[in-house]
Amino acid sequence: MRCFIAIDIDDQKLLDNLNKVAIMLNLQGVKPVERENMHITLRFLGEISDPLVQEVIENLKHVSYKEFQVRVMGLDAFPNSRWPRVVWAGIKEGHSELIQLQAIIENEIQSLNLRLEREKFHPHVTIARVKDRRSLSKVIEILNNFKEEEFGSFRAKDFSLKQSILTPHGPIYKDIVRFKL
């Protein structure tokens, strides 16, 4: 089962604002993230067995953290805005809380021999993936136009262990278990 741990965005206005940008990024060679799939990934687990899913659930039950406010602001890209591969919205308020929560989660699951994270955790909401360079100048223009954009905020009250089912039309995300903060 392909799994990840994430915080869902439950504010409809915030999702609408992010989706407007995703629609603008529906260009040749760019795959926007569907509105219902927008979230903050805390940890990608990859393909894991059913018994390991159960172990992850047991370990995540020990995570203890408080609710907090998250404000989503500004666009940027990985690896950088000159050669974007992933276009994302940044986290202004709640950034340090997300880093702390992710570290607690990482600590709880470290004994399970899951795939290692190659990159340092950087809280964000993925908006689109750039598959090739056909629309590069337009993507860079959109990045520049929304660099300081205020998208909205929401209260992080829980996080989820999710299953990602890959289909020809894009991924479908299903909650396996939600954990209250």
N, C-alpha and C. Protein backbone atom coordinates (compact mmCIF):
# COMPACT_ATOMS: atom_id res chain seq x y z
N MET A 1 0.84 -1.17 0.00
CA MET A 1 0.00 0.00 0.00
C MET A 1 0.90 1.25 0.00
N ARG A 2 0.63 2.17 -0.90
CA ARG A 2 1.40 3.42 -0.99
C ARG A 2 0.81 4.41 0.02
N CYS A 3 1.62 4.84 1.00
CA CYS A 3 1.10 5.65 2.11
C CYS A 3 1.92 6.91 2.37
N PHE A 4 1.26 7.86 3.01
CA PHE A 4 1.93 9.07 3.50
C PHE A 4 1.16 9.62 4.68
N ILE A 5 1.80 10.51 5.42
CA ILE A 5 1.20 11.16 6.59
C ILE A 5 1.04 12.63 6.23
N ALA A 6 -0.17 13.19 6.48
CA ALA A 6 -0.43 14.56 6.03
C ALA A 6 -1.42 15.28 6.93
N ILE A 7 -1.45 16.60 6.77
CA ILE A 7 -2.48 17.44 7.37
C ILE A 7 -3.36 17.93 6.22
N ASP A 8 -4.66 17.68 6.35
CA ASP A 8 -5.62 18.15 5.35
C ASP A 8 -5.93 19.61 5.58
N ILE A 9 -6.26 20.29 4.51
CA ILE A 9 -6.69 21.69 4.57
C ILE A 9 -8.22 21.66 4.54
N ASP A 10 -8.86 22.18 5.60
CA ASP A 10 -10.31 22.11 5.65
C ASP A 10 -11.00 23.45 5.40
N ASP A 11 -10.24 24.50 5.11
CA ASP A 11 -10.83 25.81 4.85
C ASP A 11 -11.13 25.93 3.35
N GLN A 12 -12.42 26.05 3.01
CA GLN A 12 -12.84 26.04 1.61
C GLN A 12 -12.33 27.26 0.83
N LYS A 13 -12.32 28.43 1.47
CA LYS A 13 -11.83 29.64 0.80
C LYS A 13 -10.34 29.50 0.47
N LEU A 14 -9.57 28.97 1.41
CA LEU A 14 -8.14 28.73 1.18
C LEU A 14 -7.96 27.77 0.01
N LEU A 15 -8.72 26.68 0.01
CA LEU A 15 -8.63 25.71 -1.10
C LEU A 15 -9.02 26.35 -2.42
N ASP A 16 -10.06 27.20 -2.41
CA ASP A 16 -10.46 27.90 -3.63
C ASP A 16 -9.33 28.78 -4.16
N ASN A 17 -8.68 29.52 -3.24
CA ASN A 17 -7.58 30.41 -3.64
C ASN A 17 -6.41 29.63 -4.22
N LEU A 18 -6.06 28.50 -3.60
CA LEU A 18 -4.98 27.67 -4.13
C LEU A 18 -5.37 27.05 -5.46
N ASN A 19 -6.63 26.65 -5.57
CA ASN A 19 -7.11 26.02 -6.80
C ASN A 19 -7.09 26.98 -7.98
N LYS A 20 -7.35 28.27 -7.73
CA LYS A 20 -7.30 29.27 -8.81
C LYS A 20 -5.91 29.29 -9.45
N VAL A 21 -4.89 29.19 -8.62
CA VAL A 21 -3.51 29.16 -9.13
C VAL A 21 -3.24 27.84 -9.86
N ALA A 22 -3.73 26.74 -9.29
CA ALA A 22 -3.55 25.43 -9.93
C ALA A 22 -4.17 25.43 -11.33
N ILE A 23 -5.34 26.05 -11.47
CA ILE A 23 -6.01 26.13 -12.78
C ILE A 23 -5.16 26.93 -13.76
N MET A 24 -4.56 28.04 -13.28
CA MET A 24 -3.66 28.84 -14.14
C MET A 24 -2.47 28.02 -14.60
N LEU A 25 -2.06 27.06 -13.75
CA LEU A 25 -0.89 26.23 -14.06
C LEU A 25 -1.26 24.99 -14.90
N ASN A 26 -2.50 24.92 -15.34
CA ASN A 26 -2.91 23.81 -16.20
C ASN A 26 -2.42 24.11 -17.62
N LEU A 27 -1.11 23.94 -17.81
CA LEU A 27 -0.41 24.29 -19.05
C LEU A 27 0.23 23.04 -19.64
N GLN A 28 0.70 23.16 -20.87
CA GLN A 28 1.41 22.04 -21.49
C GLN A 28 2.62 21.67 -20.65
N GLY A 29 2.74 20.38 -20.32
CA GLY A 29 3.89 19.91 -19.57
C GLY A 29 3.81 20.17 -18.07
N VAL A 30 2.65 20.64 -17.58
CA VAL A 30 2.46 20.91 -16.15
C VAL A 30 1.21 20.16 -15.68
N LYS A 31 1.32 19.49 -14.54
CA LYS A 31 0.20 18.74 -13.97
C LYS A 31 -0.21 19.41 -12.65
N PRO A 32 -1.33 20.17 -12.66
CA PRO A 32 -1.79 20.79 -11.41
C PRO A 32 -2.35 19.74 -10.45
N VAL A 33 -2.26 20.03 -9.16
CA VAL A 33 -2.84 19.17 -8.13
C VAL A 33 -4.33 19.50 -8.04
N GLU A 34 -5.17 18.46 -7.99
CA GLU A 34 -6.61 18.68 -7.86
C GLU A 34 -6.92 19.27 -6.49
N ARG A 35 -7.93 20.12 -6.46
CA ARG A 35 -8.33 20.82 -5.23
C ARG A 35 -8.50 19.86 -4.06
N GLU A 36 -9.18 18.74 -4.28
CA GLU A 36 -9.44 17.79 -3.18
C GLU A 36 -8.19 17.05 -2.72
N ASN A 37 -7.10 17.15 -3.46
CA ASN A 37 -5.85 16.47 -3.10
C ASN A 37 -4.83 17.40 -2.44
N MET A 38 -5.16 18.67 -2.26
CA MET A 38 -4.20 19.61 -1.67
C MET A 38 -4.10 19.37 -0.16
N HIS A 39 -2.87 19.28 0.34
CA HIS A 39 -2.61 18.97 1.74
C HIS A 39 -1.17 19.37 2.06
N ILE A 40 -0.78 19.18 3.31
CA ILE A 40 0.61 19.37 3.72
C ILE A 40 1.15 17.99 4.08
N THR A 41 2.09 17.49 3.30
CA THR A 41 2.69 16.18 3.58
C THR A 41 3.68 16.32 4.73
N LEU A 42 3.51 15.47 5.73
CA LEU A 42 4.45 15.45 6.86
C LEU A 42 5.52 14.37 6.63
N ARG A 43 5.12 13.27 5.98
CA ARG A 43 6.10 12.19 5.73
C ARG A 43 5.55 11.25 4.66
N PHE A 44 6.33 11.06 3.59
CA PHE A 44 5.98 10.07 2.58
C PHE A 44 6.57 8.74 3.01
N LEU A 45 5.75 7.70 3.04
CA LEU A 45 6.21 6.39 3.50
C LEU A 45 6.51 5.43 2.35
N GLY A 46 5.91 5.67 1.20
CA GLY A 46 6.11 4.79 0.06
C GLY A 46 5.24 3.54 0.16
N GLU A 47 5.63 2.51 -0.58
CA GLU A 47 4.89 1.24 -0.57
C GLU A 47 5.24 0.48 0.70
N ILE A 48 4.22 0.21 1.52
CA ILE A 48 4.46 -0.55 2.76
C ILE A 48 3.42 -1.67 2.87
N SER A 49 3.78 -2.73 3.55
CA SER A 49 2.91 -3.90 3.72
C SER A 49 1.80 -3.60 4.72
N ASP A 50 0.73 -4.39 4.66
CA ASP A 50 -0.38 -4.24 5.61
C ASP A 50 0.08 -4.36 7.07
N PRO A 51 0.93 -5.35 7.40
CA PRO A 51 1.40 -5.42 8.80
C PRO A 51 2.18 -4.15 9.22
N LEU A 52 2.96 -3.60 8.28
CA LEU A 52 3.71 -2.39 8.59
C LEU A 52 2.76 -1.19 8.75
N VAL A 53 1.70 -1.15 7.97
CA VAL A 53 0.68 -0.10 8.13
C VAL A 53 0.15 -0.14 9.56
N GLN A 54 -0.14 -1.34 10.06
CA GLN A 54 -0.65 -1.49 11.43
C GLN A 54 0.37 -1.01 12.46
N GLU A 55 1.65 -1.30 12.23
CA GLU A 55 2.70 -0.82 13.15
C GLU A 55 2.79 0.70 13.12
N VAL A 56 2.69 1.30 11.92
CA VAL A 56 2.72 2.76 11.80
C VAL A 56 1.57 3.35 12.61
N ILE A 57 0.37 2.78 12.45
CA ILE A 57 -0.81 3.26 13.19
C ILE A 57 -0.56 3.21 14.70
N GLU A 58 -0.06 2.08 15.17
CA GLU A 58 0.22 1.94 16.61
C GLU A 58 1.21 3.00 17.09
N ASN A 59 2.27 3.22 16.31
CA ASN A 59 3.28 4.21 16.70
C ASN A 59 2.72 5.63 16.66
N LEU A 60 1.90 5.93 15.65
CA LEU A 60 1.35 7.29 15.53
C LEU A 60 0.36 7.62 16.64
N LYS A 61 -0.21 6.61 17.28
CA LYS A 61 -1.12 6.84 18.41
C LYS A 61 -0.40 7.54 19.56
N HIS A 62 0.93 7.45 19.60
CA HIS A 62 1.72 8.06 20.68
C HIS A 62 2.07 9.52 20.42
N VAL A 63 1.77 10.02 19.22
CA VAL A 63 2.10 11.41 18.89
C VAL A 63 1.19 12.34 19.69
N SER A 64 1.80 13.25 20.39
CA SER A 64 1.06 14.22 21.18
C SER A 64 1.53 15.62 20.80
N TYR A 65 0.59 16.44 20.33
CA TYR A 65 0.91 17.81 19.94
C TYR A 65 -0.37 18.63 20.00
N LYS A 66 -0.23 19.94 20.08
CA LYS A 66 -1.37 20.84 20.23
C LYS A 66 -1.91 21.26 18.85
N GLU A 67 -3.17 21.70 18.83
CA GLU A 67 -3.73 22.32 17.62
C GLU A 67 -2.98 23.63 17.37
N PHE A 68 -2.91 24.05 16.11
CA PHE A 68 -2.24 25.31 15.80
C PHE A 68 -2.77 25.90 14.50
N GLN A 69 -2.53 27.19 14.34
CA GLN A 69 -2.97 27.93 13.16
C GLN A 69 -1.93 27.80 12.05
N VAL A 70 -2.40 27.63 10.82
CA VAL A 70 -1.52 27.55 9.65
C VAL A 70 -1.97 28.63 8.65
N ARG A 71 -1.03 29.48 8.24
CA ARG A 71 -1.32 30.50 7.24
C ARG A 71 -0.51 30.20 5.99
N VAL A 72 -1.18 30.09 4.87
CA VAL A 72 -0.54 29.73 3.60
C VAL A 72 -0.33 31.01 2.80
N MET A 73 0.94 31.24 2.41
CA MET A 73 1.27 32.50 1.74
C MET A 73 2.44 32.33 0.79
N GLY A 74 2.31 32.90 -0.40
CA GLY A 74 3.40 32.96 -1.36
C GLY A 74 3.62 31.68 -2.14
N LEU A 75 4.06 31.84 -3.39
CA LEU A 75 4.41 30.69 -4.23
C LEU A 75 5.91 30.62 -4.40
N ASP A 76 6.40 29.41 -4.53
CA ASP A 76 7.81 29.17 -4.83
C ASP A 76 7.90 27.80 -5.51
N ALA A 77 9.12 27.30 -5.70
CA ALA A 77 9.27 26.02 -6.40
C ALA A 77 10.50 25.27 -5.94
N PHE A 78 10.44 23.95 -6.07
CA PHE A 78 11.61 23.09 -5.89
C PHE A 78 12.10 22.70 -7.27
N PRO A 79 13.37 22.59 -7.56
CA PRO A 79 14.47 22.93 -6.66
C PRO A 79 14.67 24.43 -6.50
N ASN A 80 14.19 25.23 -7.49
CA ASN A 80 14.24 26.69 -7.37
C ASN A 80 13.28 27.30 -8.39
N SER A 81 13.08 28.61 -8.31
CA SER A 81 12.09 29.26 -9.17
C SER A 81 12.57 29.49 -10.60
N ARG A 82 13.85 29.25 -10.88
CA ARG A 82 14.35 29.37 -12.26
C ARG A 82 14.15 28.08 -13.04
N TRP A 83 14.21 26.95 -12.34
CA TRP A 83 14.00 25.63 -12.95
C TRP A 83 12.99 24.85 -12.12
N PRO A 84 11.74 25.32 -12.08
CA PRO A 84 10.75 24.68 -11.20
C PRO A 84 10.39 23.27 -11.65
N ARG A 85 10.34 22.36 -10.70
CA ARG A 85 9.84 21.00 -10.94
C ARG A 85 8.56 20.79 -10.14
N VAL A 86 8.52 21.38 -8.93
CA VAL A 86 7.32 21.33 -8.08
C VAL A 86 6.98 22.77 -7.68
N VAL A 87 5.77 23.21 -8.01
CA VAL A 87 5.31 24.54 -7.61
C VAL A 87 4.52 24.37 -6.31
N TRP A 88 4.84 25.19 -5.32
CA TRP A 88 4.20 25.05 -4.01
C TRP A 88 3.87 26.39 -3.38
N ALA A 89 2.89 26.35 -2.47
CA ALA A 89 2.53 27.51 -1.65
C ALA A 89 3.21 27.33 -0.30
N GLY A 90 3.75 28.41 0.21
CA GLY A 90 4.51 28.36 1.46
C GLY A 90 3.65 28.47 2.70
N ILE A 91 4.26 28.13 3.82
CA ILE A 91 3.59 28.22 5.12
C ILE A 91 4.23 29.36 5.89
N LYS A 92 3.45 30.37 6.20
CA LYS A 92 3.96 31.51 6.96
C LYS A 92 3.79 31.23 8.46
N GLU A 93 2.56 31.34 8.94
CA GLU A 93 2.27 31.01 10.34
C GLU A 93 2.10 29.49 10.45
N GLY A 94 2.64 28.91 11.52
CA GLY A 94 2.53 27.46 11.70
C GLY A 94 3.72 26.69 11.17
N HIS A 95 4.67 27.38 10.57
CA HIS A 95 5.87 26.75 9.99
C HIS A 95 6.66 25.98 11.05
N SER A 96 6.97 26.64 12.15
CA SER A 96 7.77 25.97 13.20
C SER A 96 6.99 24.84 13.86
N GLU A 97 5.66 25.03 14.03
CA GLU A 97 4.84 23.96 14.60
C GLU A 97 4.84 22.72 13.69
N LEU A 98 4.75 22.94 12.38
CA LEU A 98 4.78 21.82 11.44
C LEU A 98 6.11 21.08 11.51
N ILE A 99 7.20 21.83 11.64
CA ILE A 99 8.52 21.20 11.75
C ILE A 99 8.61 20.39 13.04
N GLN A 100 8.09 20.95 14.14
CA GLN A 100 8.10 20.22 15.42
C GLN A 100 7.24 18.95 15.35
N LEU A 101 6.02 19.09 14.79
CA LEU A 101 5.12 17.93 14.67
C LEU A 101 5.76 16.85 13.80
N GLN A 102 6.35 17.25 12.69
CA GLN A 102 6.98 16.28 11.80
C GLN A 102 8.13 15.56 12.50
N ALA A 103 8.90 16.28 13.31
CA ALA A 103 10.01 15.67 14.06
C ALA A 103 9.49 14.66 15.08
N ILE A 104 8.37 14.97 15.73
CA ILE A 104 7.76 14.05 16.69
C ILE A 104 7.29 12.78 15.96
N ILE A 105 6.63 12.97 14.83
CA ILE A 105 6.17 11.82 14.03
C ILE A 105 7.37 10.98 13.59
N GLU A 106 8.39 11.64 13.09
CA GLU A 106 9.60 10.94 12.63
C GLU A 106 10.20 10.12 13.77
N ASN A 107 10.24 10.70 14.95
CA ASN A 107 10.78 10.01 16.13
C ASN A 107 9.95 8.77 16.47
N GLU A 108 8.63 8.87 16.34
CA GLU A 108 7.74 7.75 16.66
C GLU A 108 7.85 6.59 15.68
N ILE A 109 8.18 6.89 14.41
CA ILE A 109 8.20 5.82 13.40
C ILE A 109 9.62 5.39 13.01
N GLN A 110 10.63 6.01 13.60
CA GLN A 110 12.01 5.73 13.18
C GLN A 110 12.42 4.27 13.37
N SER A 111 11.84 3.58 14.33
CA SER A 111 12.21 2.19 14.60
C SER A 111 11.63 1.21 13.58
N LEU A 112 10.80 1.69 12.67
CA LEU A 112 10.08 0.80 11.75
C LEU A 112 10.82 0.51 10.44
N ASN A 113 12.03 1.03 10.28
CA ASN A 113 12.84 0.79 9.07
C ASN A 113 12.10 1.17 7.78
N LEU A 114 11.47 2.34 7.81
CA LEU A 114 10.81 2.86 6.62
C LEU A 114 11.85 3.51 5.71
N ARG A 115 11.45 3.82 4.48
CA ARG A 115 12.38 4.49 3.55
C ARG A 115 12.85 5.80 4.18
N LEU A 116 14.11 6.12 3.95
CA LEU A 116 14.67 7.34 4.51
C LEU A 116 14.25 8.55 3.69
N GLU A 117 14.03 9.66 4.36
CA GLU A 117 13.76 10.92 3.68
C GLU A 117 15.08 11.48 3.19
N ARG A 118 15.15 11.80 1.90
CA ARG A 118 16.39 12.34 1.35
C ARG A 118 16.54 13.83 1.64
N GLU A 119 15.42 14.51 1.64
CA GLU A 119 15.43 15.97 1.80
C GLU A 119 15.04 16.35 3.22
N LYS A 120 15.55 17.51 3.65
CA LYS A 120 15.13 18.08 4.93
C LYS A 120 13.66 18.50 4.78
N PHE A 121 12.88 18.30 5.84
CA PHE A 121 11.45 18.63 5.79
C PHE A 121 11.25 20.13 5.58
N HIS A 122 10.43 20.48 4.60
CA HIS A 122 10.12 21.87 4.30
C HIS A 122 8.60 21.97 4.12
N PRO A 123 7.88 22.48 5.13
CA PRO A 123 6.41 22.54 5.05
C PRO A 123 5.93 23.35 3.85
N HIS A 124 4.99 22.78 3.09
CA HIS A 124 4.44 23.44 1.91
C HIS A 124 3.19 22.71 1.44
N VAL A 125 2.46 23.35 0.52
CA VAL A 125 1.33 22.74 -0.15
C VAL A 125 1.68 22.66 -1.63
N THR A 126 1.80 21.46 -2.17
CA THR A 126 2.11 21.31 -3.59
C THR A 126 0.90 21.73 -4.42
N ILE A 127 1.16 22.58 -5.42
CA ILE A 127 0.11 23.11 -6.30
C ILE A 127 0.17 22.45 -7.68
N ALA A 128 1.42 22.17 -8.16
CA ALA A 128 1.57 21.59 -9.50
C ALA A 128 2.95 20.95 -9.63
N ARG A 129 3.04 20.01 -10.57
CA ARG A 129 4.32 19.39 -10.92
C ARG A 129 4.63 19.73 -12.37
N VAL A 130 5.85 20.21 -12.61
CA VAL A 130 6.27 20.58 -13.96
C VAL A 130 6.98 19.37 -14.57
N LYS A 131 6.35 18.79 -15.59
CA LYS A 131 6.86 17.56 -16.20
C LYS A 131 7.95 17.83 -17.23
N ASP A 132 7.83 18.97 -17.93
CA ASP A 132 8.86 19.34 -18.92
C ASP A 132 8.89 20.86 -19.04
N ARG A 133 9.71 21.37 -19.93
CA ARG A 133 9.99 22.81 -20.01
C ARG A 133 9.13 23.59 -21.01
N ARG A 134 8.11 22.95 -21.61
CA ARG A 134 7.33 23.63 -22.66
C ARG A 134 6.70 24.94 -22.20
N SER A 135 6.26 24.99 -20.95
CA SER A 135 5.57 26.19 -20.44
C SER A 135 6.39 26.91 -19.37
N LEU A 136 7.69 26.72 -19.41
CA LEU A 136 8.57 27.25 -18.36
C LEU A 136 8.40 28.74 -18.12
N SER A 137 8.38 29.56 -19.19
CA SER A 137 8.29 31.01 -18.99
C SER A 137 6.97 31.40 -18.34
N LYS A 138 5.88 30.73 -18.69
CA LYS A 138 4.57 31.03 -18.09
C LYS A 138 4.56 30.60 -16.61
N VAL A 139 5.15 29.44 -16.30
CA VAL A 139 5.22 28.97 -14.90
C VAL A 139 6.01 29.99 -14.06
N ILE A 140 7.14 30.44 -14.57
CA ILE A 140 7.97 31.42 -13.85
C ILE A 140 7.20 32.74 -13.65
N GLU A 141 6.44 33.14 -14.67
CA GLU A 141 5.63 34.37 -14.57
C GLU A 141 4.58 34.22 -13.45
N ILE A 142 3.91 33.07 -13.39
CA ILE A 142 2.91 32.83 -12.33
C ILE A 142 3.59 32.81 -10.96
N LEU A 143 4.75 32.16 -10.87
CA LEU A 143 5.50 32.15 -9.59
C LEU A 143 5.78 33.57 -9.13
N ASN A 144 6.25 34.41 -10.04
CA ASN A 144 6.58 35.80 -9.69
C ASN A 144 5.34 36.60 -9.30
N ASN A 145 4.22 36.37 -10.01
CA ASN A 145 2.99 37.12 -9.73
C ASN A 145 2.39 36.76 -8.37
N PHE A 146 2.65 35.56 -7.87
CA PHE A 146 2.04 35.11 -6.61
C PHE A 146 3.06 34.90 -5.49
N LYS A 147 4.24 35.47 -5.65
CA LYS A 147 5.31 35.29 -4.67
C LYS A 147 4.92 35.75 -3.27
N GLU A 148 4.12 36.80 -3.18
CA GLU A 148 3.71 37.37 -1.88
C GLU A 148 2.22 37.19 -1.61
N GLU A 149 1.55 36.37 -2.38
CA GLU A 149 0.09 36.21 -2.27
C GLU A 149 -0.33 35.59 -0.94
N GLU A 150 -1.34 36.17 -0.34
CA GLU A 150 -1.95 35.64 0.89
C GLU A 150 -3.09 34.72 0.46
N PHE A 151 -2.97 33.42 0.71
CA PHE A 151 -3.99 32.47 0.26
C PHE A 151 -5.06 32.21 1.32
N GLY A 152 -4.69 32.31 2.59
CA GLY A 152 -5.66 32.07 3.67
C GLY A 152 -5.06 31.24 4.78
N SER A 153 -5.88 30.88 5.74
CA SER A 153 -5.37 30.11 6.87
C SER A 153 -6.42 29.11 7.35
N PHE A 154 -5.98 28.17 8.17
CA PHE A 154 -6.86 27.16 8.76
C PHE A 154 -6.24 26.68 10.06
N ARG A 155 -7.04 25.99 10.84
CA ARG A 155 -6.59 25.44 12.11
C ARG A 155 -6.24 23.97 11.91
N ALA A 156 -4.99 23.60 12.21
CA ALA A 156 -4.57 22.20 12.14
C ALA A 156 -5.04 21.52 13.41
N LYS A 157 -6.02 20.63 13.28
CA LYS A 157 -6.61 19.96 14.44
C LYS A 157 -6.27 18.48 14.48
N ASP A 158 -5.81 17.95 13.33
CA ASP A 158 -5.47 16.54 13.26
C ASP A 158 -4.52 16.28 12.09
N PHE A 159 -4.02 15.06 12.01
CA PHE A 159 -3.24 14.62 10.86
C PHE A 159 -3.70 13.21 10.52
N SER A 160 -3.37 12.77 9.32
CA SER A 160 -3.88 11.48 8.83
C SER A 160 -2.77 10.61 8.27
N LEU A 161 -2.96 9.31 8.43
CA LEU A 161 -2.21 8.34 7.66
C LEU A 161 -3.09 8.09 6.45
N LYS A 162 -2.56 8.30 5.25
CA LYS A 162 -3.35 8.22 4.02
C LYS A 162 -2.79 7.16 3.08
N GLN A 163 -3.69 6.62 2.29
CA GLN A 163 -3.31 5.73 1.20
C GLN A 163 -3.39 6.53 -0.09
N SER A 164 -2.42 6.35 -0.97
CA SER A 164 -2.40 6.99 -2.27
C SER A 164 -2.58 5.91 -3.32
N ILE A 165 -3.71 5.97 -4.03
CA ILE A 165 -3.98 5.01 -5.10
C ILE A 165 -3.72 5.71 -6.42
N LEU A 166 -2.72 5.24 -7.16
CA LEU A 166 -2.37 5.86 -8.43
C LEU A 166 -3.29 5.34 -9.53
N THR A 167 -3.88 6.29 -10.28
CA THR A 167 -4.75 5.93 -11.40
C THR A 167 -4.27 6.71 -12.63
N PRO A 168 -4.72 6.32 -13.83
CA PRO A 168 -4.34 7.08 -15.04
C PRO A 168 -4.82 8.53 -15.00
N HIS A 169 -5.85 8.81 -14.19
CA HIS A 169 -6.40 10.17 -14.10
C HIS A 169 -5.80 10.97 -12.95
N GLY A 170 -4.82 10.40 -12.26
CA GLY A 170 -4.22 11.07 -11.11
C GLY A 170 -4.46 10.27 -9.84
N PRO A 171 -3.79 10.65 -8.75
CA PRO A 171 -3.91 9.89 -7.51
C PRO A 171 -5.26 10.11 -6.81
N ILE A 172 -5.67 9.08 -6.08
CA ILE A 172 -6.83 9.18 -5.19
C ILE A 172 -6.29 8.96 -3.78
N TYR A 173 -6.59 9.89 -2.87
CA TYR A 173 -6.11 9.78 -1.50
C TYR A 173 -7.25 9.36 -0.59
N LYS A 174 -7.00 8.36 0.24
CA LYS A 174 -8.00 7.88 1.20
C LYS A 174 -7.40 7.89 2.60
N ASP A 175 -8.17 8.39 3.56
CA ASP A 175 -7.73 8.32 4.96
C ASP A 175 -7.75 6.88 5.43
N ILE A 176 -6.67 6.45 6.06
CA ILE A 176 -6.64 5.15 6.73
C ILE A 176 -7.05 5.39 8.19
N VAL A 177 -6.36 6.34 8.85
CA VAL A 177 -6.68 6.73 10.23
C VAL A 177 -6.38 8.21 10.40
N ARG A 178 -7.26 8.91 11.14
CA ARG A 178 -7.03 10.31 11.52
C ARG A 178 -6.61 10.34 12.98
N PHE A 179 -5.65 11.20 13.29
CA PHE A 179 -5.15 11.34 14.66
C PHE A 179 -5.38 12.77 15.12
N LYS A 180 -6.07 12.93 16.24
CA LYS A 180 -6.37 14.26 16.78
C LYS A 180 -5.11 14.89 17.38
N LEU A 181 -5.00 16.21 17.24
CA LEU A 181 -3.93 16.95 17.90
C LEU A 181 -4.45 17.44 19.24
